[in-house]
C-alpha cells in the first residue's frame, strides 16, 4: 500500500522461498483499499487478515481453518493477546465457545452486540469463508476514517448462517504505549463517536432491527465511548494543555445528543454498574465537568497505587 520502508523487498525475499506468496504493490490508498485488493485475488476457501504491527503463531491459521472447514463455518472467531512493552494480556471474546451460532442466534445476540459494543469490531482475530465475502459482494468501505472494520464485520455477520467463537489465542495485537494519548492532539475522537452514532446502520447494512431498536443500542455505545474518552482526556500524562482538554470534555458532555441519550436511557446505562461508574454517569448527566476531573484523578491515583 505504498509503504516507504523496505517491506516490499522483504516480501519479495519471501516470494523466493514460497511461490504461494503474492505481492500487490500499489500507491497508498489506505487500509480498506489494501484489504479489498487482497480479497479480490484471494483463492482460498477462507480469508484472514493481519495488521502491519502485529504477528501470529505459526499454526494460527491452520488451527482456525481446521475448525472452520470441519464445521462448515462462515466465520471463525478467536481470542487474542495484546502486547505492550513486553507485557502480554490475554483477551477473551465475550461469547460462548460451546455452540455454533446459527442465523437466528446471530440476529438475536451478535448483531445487537455490534451496535452496542466495540469488542467484536476487529477483522484480524477472525477467519471468513471466501464465499461469504465474495458471494455477497462485501468489502471494506472506502473513505471511512474510522470504523471500517465494524462495518465490514456487520455486513459479514448479517449474511452469515454459521459462526463459532473459539477458545484459542494465536494472534498478537501490539499496542504502542501512549499512542491514544498522543492521538488526542490530532484526532477528534468525539466527532468520530458521533458519526458512528448517526450512521444509518439499519439501512446501509440491511439489518432486520428497527431503527428505534438500533438507536437505543447505539445510545449505550455512545455514552460508553464518552466515558472512556473522558478518562483518556484527563490522563495525567497527556501532552495536551489541561485547559484545552477540560474545554473539550465540557463541550462533549454538554452536547445535545449526549444529553438526550443519557436522559432517555438512564435506567439501562446505570444498571449493574459500580457506584463509581454510576456517579461518573450522573456527573455527565448534570454536565459537571469539574466533578469528572475529580473522579478521573481519583481513578488514576487508585490505578497507580
Protein backbone atom coordinates (compact mmCIF):
# COMPACT_ATOMS: atom_id res chain seq x y z
CA UNK A 1 0.00 0.00 0.00
CA UNK A 2 2.76 2.42 -0.96
CA UNK A 3 4.85 1.82 2.17
CA UNK A 4 8.03 3.90 2.28
CA UNK A 5 10.10 1.38 4.26
CA UNK A 6 11.70 -1.84 2.96
CA UNK A 7 8.65 -4.09 3.35
CA UNK A 8 8.38 -4.59 -0.43
CA UNK A 9 11.91 -6.00 -0.56
CA UNK A 10 11.20 -8.18 2.47
CA UNK A 11 8.08 -9.63 0.82
CA UNK A 12 9.98 -10.21 -2.42
CA UNK A 13 12.62 -12.16 -0.49
CA UNK A 14 9.89 -14.39 0.95
CA UNK A 15 8.45 -14.90 -2.53
CA UNK A 16 11.76 -16.52 -3.49
CA UNK A 17 11.20 -19.09 -0.73
CA UNK A 18 7.45 -19.70 -1.17
CA UNK A 19 5.68 -19.41 -4.53
CA UNK A 20 2.27 -19.09 -2.85
CA UNK A 21 3.08 -15.56 -1.69
CA UNK A 22 1.60 -12.87 -3.92
CA UNK A 23 2.78 -9.26 -3.68
CA UNK A 24 0.34 -6.48 -4.58
CA UNK A 25 2.21 -3.22 -4.98
CA UNK A 26 0.01 -0.15 -5.26
CA UNK A 27 0.04 3.54 -4.37
CA UNK A 28 -1.05 4.35 -0.83
CA UNK A 29 -4.84 4.22 -0.74
CA UNK A 30 -5.49 3.32 2.89
CA UNK A 31 -6.17 0.13 4.82
CA UNK A 32 -9.61 -0.54 3.30
CA UNK A 33 -8.33 -0.39 -0.28
CA UNK A 34 -5.37 -2.60 0.63
CA UNK A 35 -7.59 -5.25 2.20
CA UNK A 36 -10.05 -5.11 -0.71
CA UNK A 37 -7.17 -5.65 -3.14
CA UNK A 38 -6.18 -8.73 -1.15
CA UNK A 39 -9.74 -10.07 -1.13
CA UNK A 40 -10.02 -9.62 -4.90
CA UNK A 41 -7.11 -12.00 -5.62
CA UNK A 42 -7.61 -14.46 -2.73
CA UNK A 43 -8.20 -18.02 -3.95
CA UNK A 44 -8.50 -19.94 -0.69
CA UNK A 45 -11.60 -21.31 1.00
CA UNK A 46 -11.09 -18.85 3.87
CA UNK A 47 -9.68 -15.34 4.16
CA UNK A 48 -7.83 -13.83 7.12
CA UNK A 49 -6.14 -10.51 7.89
CA UNK A 50 -3.07 -9.41 9.84
CA UNK A 51 -2.34 -5.77 10.69
CA UNK A 52 1.10 -4.38 9.96
CA UNK A 53 2.32 -4.04 13.56
CA UNK A 54 1.04 -7.45 14.70
CA UNK A 55 2.13 -11.07 14.43
CA UNK A 56 0.59 -14.54 14.70
CA UNK A 57 1.54 -18.00 15.91
CA UNK A 58 2.82 -20.10 13.01
CA UNK A 59 -0.09 -22.52 13.43
CA UNK A 60 -2.85 -19.94 13.96
CA UNK A 61 -4.44 -20.02 10.51
CA UNK A 62 -4.08 -23.79 10.25
CA UNK A 63 -5.82 -24.21 13.62
CA UNK A 64 -8.67 -21.84 12.78
CA UNK A 65 -9.04 -23.21 9.25
CA UNK A 66 -9.40 -26.74 10.59
CA UNK A 67 -12.25 -25.71 12.89
CA UNK A 68 -13.98 -23.75 10.12
CA UNK A 69 -13.61 -26.48 7.50
CA UNK A 70 -14.71 -29.35 9.75
CA UNK A 71 -17.87 -27.49 10.84
CA UNK A 72 -18.53 -25.65 7.55
CA UNK A 73 -18.46 -22.31 9.39
CA UNK A 74 -18.90 -18.96 7.70
CA UNK A 75 -16.81 -17.17 10.34
CA UNK A 76 -14.38 -18.42 12.99
CA UNK A 77 -13.57 -16.00 15.83
CA UNK A 78 -10.67 -16.48 18.25
CA UNK A 79 -9.42 -14.84 21.42
CA UNK A 80 -6.18 -12.87 21.14
CA UNK A 81 -3.26 -11.44 23.07
CA UNK A 82 -2.43 -7.75 23.44
CA UNK A 83 1.22 -6.87 23.85
CA UNK A 84 2.62 -3.59 25.15
CA UNK A 85 6.25 -3.08 26.18
CA UNK A 86 6.73 -6.81 26.59
CA UNK A 87 3.64 -7.23 28.79
CA UNK A 88 1.18 -9.74 27.33
CA UNK A 89 -2.50 -9.78 28.29
CA UNK A 90 -4.97 -12.48 27.23
CA UNK A 91 -8.16 -11.06 25.76
CA UNK A 92 -11.32 -13.13 25.59
CA UNK A 93 -14.25 -12.63 23.25
CA UNK A 94 -17.40 -12.40 25.37
CA UNK A 95 -19.45 -15.17 23.72
CA UNK A 96 -19.91 -18.89 24.39
CA UNK A 97 -17.36 -21.15 22.72
CA UNK A 98 -19.53 -24.23 23.17
CA UNK A 99 -22.06 -23.58 20.44
CA UNK A 100 -22.38 -22.84 16.76
CA UNK A 101 -24.39 -19.64 16.29
CA UNK A 102 -26.98 -20.08 13.55
CA UNK A 103 -28.75 -17.27 11.68
CA UNK A 104 -31.36 -16.81 14.40
CA UNK A 105 -28.74 -16.62 17.15
CA UNK A 106 -26.58 -14.23 15.13
CA UNK A 107 -29.50 -11.85 14.59
CA UNK A 108 -30.64 -12.08 18.22
CA UNK A 109 -27.28 -11.86 20.02
CA UNK A 110 -24.36 -10.87 17.79
CA UNK A 111 -25.82 -8.14 15.56
CA UNK A 112 -27.13 -6.13 18.56
CA UNK A 113 -23.71 -6.54 20.19
CA UNK A 114 -22.05 -4.85 17.21
CA UNK A 115 -24.29 -1.81 17.65
CA UNK A 116 -23.90 -1.69 21.45
CA UNK A 117 -20.20 -2.53 21.92
CA UNK A 118 -16.79 -2.22 20.27
CA UNK A 119 -15.46 -5.63 21.31
CA UNK A 120 -16.00 -7.54 18.05
CA UNK A 121 -15.01 -4.90 15.51
CA UNK A 122 -11.53 -6.14 14.57
CA UNK A 123 -11.14 -8.32 11.48
CA UNK A 124 -7.75 -9.77 12.45
CA UNK A 125 -8.92 -12.36 15.00
CA UNK A 126 -11.39 -13.89 12.54
CA UNK A 127 -11.38 -16.22 9.57
CA UNK A 128 -14.08 -15.63 6.93
CA UNK A 129 -15.36 -18.05 4.32
CA UNK A 130 -14.40 -16.61 0.96
CA UNK A 131 -17.84 -17.38 -0.49
CA UNK A 132 -19.47 -15.32 2.29
CA UNK A 133 -17.46 -12.23 1.36
CA UNK A 134 -17.38 -12.58 -2.43
CA UNK A 135 -20.82 -14.11 -2.84
CA UNK A 136 -22.40 -11.14 -1.05
CA UNK A 137 -20.07 -8.52 -2.60
CA UNK A 138 -18.88 -7.43 0.85
CA UNK A 139 -15.91 -5.08 1.03
CA UNK A 140 -14.24 -2.65 3.39
CA UNK A 141 -15.78 0.82 2.94
CA UNK A 142 -13.58 3.40 1.24
CA UNK A 143 -13.45 6.92 2.69
CA UNK A 144 -14.38 5.90 6.23
CA UNK A 145 -11.75 7.36 8.57
CA UNK A 146 -12.59 5.04 11.47
CA UNK A 147 -14.85 2.04 11.90
CA UNK A 148 -14.22 0.33 8.56
CA UNK A 149 -13.67 -2.98 10.41
CA UNK A 150 -17.01 -2.65 12.22
CA UNK A 151 -19.00 -2.06 9.02
CA UNK A 152 -17.25 -4.91 7.22
CA UNK A 153 -17.97 -7.27 10.11
CA UNK A 154 -21.57 -6.14 10.50
CA UNK A 155 -22.18 -6.94 6.82
CA UNK A 156 -20.43 -10.32 7.13
CA UNK A 157 -22.22 -11.44 10.29
CA UNK A 158 -25.56 -10.20 8.94
CA UNK A 159 -25.19 -12.61 5.99
CA UNK A 160 -23.59 -15.48 7.92
CA UNK A 161 -25.53 -18.62 8.83
CA UNK A 162 -22.94 -20.45 10.97
CA UNK A 163 -20.29 -18.84 13.16
CA UNK A 164 -18.34 -20.07 16.17
CA UNK A 165 -16.18 -18.48 18.84
CA UNK A 166 -13.05 -20.47 19.52
CA UNK A 167 -11.23 -20.62 22.87
CA UNK A 168 -7.83 -20.25 21.23
CA UNK A 169 -5.22 -17.47 21.18
CA UNK A 170 -2.79 -17.20 18.30
CA UNK A 171 -2.97 -13.52 17.36
CA UNK A 172 -0.73 -10.90 19.00
CA UNK A 173 -2.04 -7.35 18.84
CA UNK A 174 0.79 -4.93 19.58
CA UNK A 175 -0.12 -1.61 21.21
CA UNK A 176 2.18 1.37 21.07
CA UNK A 177 2.36 2.82 24.57
CA UNK A 178 0.79 6.26 24.80
CA UNK A 179 -0.41 6.29 21.20
CA UNK A 180 -4.01 7.09 22.18
CA UNK A 181 -2.99 9.98 24.44
CA UNK A 182 -0.81 11.39 21.65
CA UNK A 183 -3.61 10.98 19.11
CA UNK A 184 -5.88 13.37 21.02
CA UNK A 185 -3.64 16.12 19.66
CA UNK A 186 -4.72 15.34 16.11
CA UNK A 187 -7.86 13.16 16.22
CA UNK A 188 -11.34 14.32 17.15
CA UNK A 189 -12.44 11.08 18.82
CA UNK A 190 -15.77 12.52 19.93
CA UNK A 191 -16.73 13.53 16.39
CA UNK A 192 -15.90 10.00 15.28
CA UNK A 193 -18.17 8.61 18.02
CA UNK A 194 -21.00 10.92 16.92
CA UNK A 195 -20.51 9.91 13.28
CA UNK A 196 -20.85 6.24 14.27
CA UNK A 197 -23.98 7.03 16.32
CA UNK A 198 -25.61 8.96 13.47
CA UNK A 199 -24.71 6.44 10.77
CA UNK A 200 -27.79 4.60 9.49
CA UNK A 201 -26.65 1.01 10.10
CA UNK A 202 -30.14 -0.43 9.55
CA UNK A 203 -30.38 0.99 6.04
CA UNK A 204 -26.73 0.74 4.98
CA UNK A 205 -26.23 -2.82 6.29
CA UNK A 206 -29.78 -4.03 5.60
CA UNK A 207 -30.36 -5.09 9.21
CA UNK A 208 -33.58 -6.71 10.43
CA UNK A 209 -33.61 -4.49 13.55
CA UNK A 210 -35.91 -1.49 13.62
CA UNK A 211 -34.32 1.94 13.58
CA UNK A 212 -35.64 2.54 17.12
CA UNK A 213 -34.01 -0.65 18.43
CA UNK A 214 -30.74 0.17 16.70
CA UNK A 215 -30.71 3.73 18.06
CA UNK A 216 -31.21 2.51 21.63
CA UNK A 217 -28.28 0.10 21.30
CA UNK A 218 -26.09 2.78 19.75
CA UNK A 219 -27.04 5.20 22.54
CA UNK A 220 -25.45 2.87 25.06
CA UNK A 221 -22.37 2.64 22.86
CA UNK A 222 -22.15 6.44 22.51
CA UNK A 223 -22.32 7.12 26.26
CA UNK A 224 -19.86 4.29 26.98
CA UNK A 225 -17.50 5.89 24.47
CA UNK A 226 -17.92 9.30 26.10
CA UNK A 227 -16.98 7.79 29.47
CA UNK A 228 -13.81 6.22 28.03
CA UNK A 229 -12.90 9.47 26.22
CA UNK A 230 -13.22 11.48 29.43
CA UNK A 231 -10.77 9.10 31.11
CA UNK A 232 -8.46 9.41 28.11
CA UNK A 233 -8.55 13.22 28.01
CA UNK A 234 -7.98 13.56 31.75
CA UNK A 235 -4.99 11.22 31.88
CA UNK A 236 -2.21 12.94 33.80
CA UNK A 237 0.45 12.11 31.18
CA UNK A 238 -1.31 13.84 28.28
CA UNK A 239 0.78 16.18 26.14
CA UNK A 240 -2.19 18.47 25.52
CA UNK A 241 -2.72 21.50 27.81
CA UNK A 242 -5.20 20.79 30.62
CA UNK A 243 -7.34 23.84 29.76
CA UNK A 244 -7.86 22.56 26.20
CA UNK A 245 -8.70 19.06 27.43
CA UNK A 246 -11.12 20.48 30.04
CA UNK A 247 -12.94 22.56 27.39
CA UNK A 248 -13.09 19.56 25.05
CA UNK A 249 -14.72 17.39 27.72
CA UNK A 250 -17.05 20.22 28.74
CA UNK A 251 -18.27 20.56 25.16
CA UNK A 252 -18.60 16.78 24.88
CA UNK A 253 -20.81 16.33 27.97
CA UNK A 254 -22.87 19.41 27.03
CA UNK A 255 -23.55 18.08 23.54
CA UNK A 256 -27.29 17.88 22.87
CA UNK A 257 -27.20 14.32 21.54
CA UNK A 258 -25.18 13.11 24.53
CA UNK A 259 -27.62 14.75 26.94
CA UNK A 260 -30.67 13.48 25.05
CA UNK A 261 -29.39 9.90 25.00
CA UNK A 262 -28.20 9.76 28.61
CA UNK A 263 -31.58 11.04 29.83
CA UNK A 264 -33.58 8.69 27.57
CA UNK A 265 -31.57 5.61 28.53
CA UNK A 266 -30.62 6.46 32.13
CA UNK A 267 -32.01 3.24 33.62
CA UNK A 268 -30.27 0.94 31.13
CA UNK A 269 -26.98 2.84 31.36
CA UNK A 270 -26.59 2.68 35.14
CA UNK A 271 -27.93 -0.87 35.55
CA UNK A 272 -25.39 -3.29 37.09
CA UNK A 273 -22.72 -0.57 37.26
CA UNK A 274 -20.43 0.10 40.21
CA UNK A 275 -21.06 3.12 42.44
CA UNK A 276 -18.07 4.84 40.85
CA UNK A 277 -19.44 4.28 37.35
CA UNK A 278 -22.95 5.39 38.34
CA UNK A 279 -21.55 8.58 39.86
CA UNK A 280 -19.49 9.16 36.71
CA UNK A 281 -22.62 8.84 34.56
CA UNK A 282 -24.53 11.16 36.90
CA UNK A 283 -21.86 13.86 36.58
CA UNK A 284 -22.17 13.59 32.78
CA UNK A 285 -25.94 13.82 33.12
CA UNK A 286 -25.73 17.05 35.14
CA UNK A 287 -22.84 18.34 32.99
CA UNK A 288 -20.45 18.77 35.93
CA UNK A 289 -17.04 18.71 34.25
CA UNK A 290 -15.11 19.57 37.43
CA UNK A 291 -16.67 16.55 39.14
CA UNK A 292 -15.46 14.38 36.27
CA UNK A 293 -11.94 15.78 36.75
CA UNK A 294 -12.05 14.80 40.44
CA UNK A 295 -13.34 11.30 39.68
CA UNK A 296 -10.76 10.59 36.97
CA UNK A 297 -7.97 11.95 39.20
CA UNK A 298 -9.10 9.56 41.93
CA UNK A 299 -9.24 6.69 39.41
CA UNK A 300 -5.76 7.45 38.04
CA UNK A 301 -4.35 7.62 41.57
CA UNK A 302 -6.00 4.35 42.56
CA UNK A 303 -4.73 2.55 39.45
CA UNK A 304 -1.17 3.73 40.09
CA UNK A 305 -1.40 2.52 43.68
